[in-house]
Protein backbone atom coordinates (compact mmCIF):
# COMPACT_ATOMS: atom_id res chain seq x y z
CA MET A 1 17.50 -55.39 -46.47
CA PHE A 2 20.10 -56.01 -44.08
CA SER A 3 19.35 -52.52 -42.56
CA ASN A 4 17.18 -52.94 -40.00
CA LEU A 5 19.26 -56.02 -37.97
CA ILE A 6 22.33 -53.42 -37.83
CA LYS A 7 23.33 -51.68 -34.61
CA PRO A 8 24.22 -47.79 -35.12
CA LYS A 9 27.02 -47.38 -33.86
CA PRO A 10 26.12 -45.11 -30.15
CA THR A 11 27.26 -42.04 -30.83
CA GLN A 12 28.29 -40.39 -28.02
CA ASN A 13 26.83 -36.29 -26.81
CA SER A 14 28.76 -33.02 -27.43
CA LYS A 15 29.41 -30.58 -24.36
CA LEU A 16 26.80 -28.28 -25.95
CA SER A 17 24.57 -31.51 -26.48
CA ASP A 18 25.47 -31.88 -22.79
CA PHE A 19 24.90 -28.29 -22.09
CA VAL A 20 21.80 -27.85 -23.94
CA LEU A 21 20.40 -31.12 -22.39
CA ASN A 22 21.11 -30.70 -18.93
CA SER A 23 20.50 -26.95 -17.89
CA SER A 24 18.57 -25.07 -16.73
CA SER A 25 16.94 -22.70 -17.97
CA SER A 26 18.43 -19.65 -16.00
CA GLU A 27 21.32 -20.83 -16.68
CA LYS A 28 20.93 -21.65 -20.73
CA LYS A 29 20.13 -18.47 -20.86
CA ARG A 30 23.28 -16.25 -18.44
CA ILE A 31 25.18 -18.07 -21.15
CA TYR A 32 23.55 -16.78 -24.74
CA SER A 33 23.02 -13.72 -22.83
CA GLN A 34 27.32 -13.34 -22.09
CA VAL A 35 27.30 -15.16 -26.01
CA ILE A 36 25.28 -12.19 -27.99
CA GLU A 37 26.80 -10.02 -25.60
CA ARG A 38 30.06 -11.42 -27.13
CA ALA A 39 29.23 -11.36 -30.16
CA ILE A 40 27.59 -7.95 -31.11
CA SER A 41 30.89 -6.47 -29.07
CA SER A 42 33.06 -8.28 -31.79
CA GLN A 43 30.44 -7.23 -34.51
CA VAL A 44 30.82 -3.64 -32.99
CA GLN A 45 34.76 -4.17 -33.77
CA VAL A 46 34.45 -5.37 -37.05
CA VAL A 47 31.59 -1.93 -38.19
CA ASN A 48 34.79 -0.14 -36.04
CA LYS A 49 37.44 -1.10 -38.33
CA VAL A 50 36.05 -0.65 -41.23
CA SER A 51 34.38 2.72 -41.26
CA ALA A 52 38.23 3.54 -39.60
CA THR A 53 39.30 2.81 -42.88
CA LYS A 54 37.30 4.42 -45.38
CA ARG A 55 38.03 8.19 -43.28
């Protein structure tokens, strides 16, 4: 009943949300590519470690 009288507290944007909202398309593509490359590298290391222990 009184919920419409209470104003929600303003929230502060996170660095990630600021990046998504304010970065250019080319900047997003560059950063996303770096993230994907690191994730692939990490996954390859895990697969190599597991396959080395199974031998």
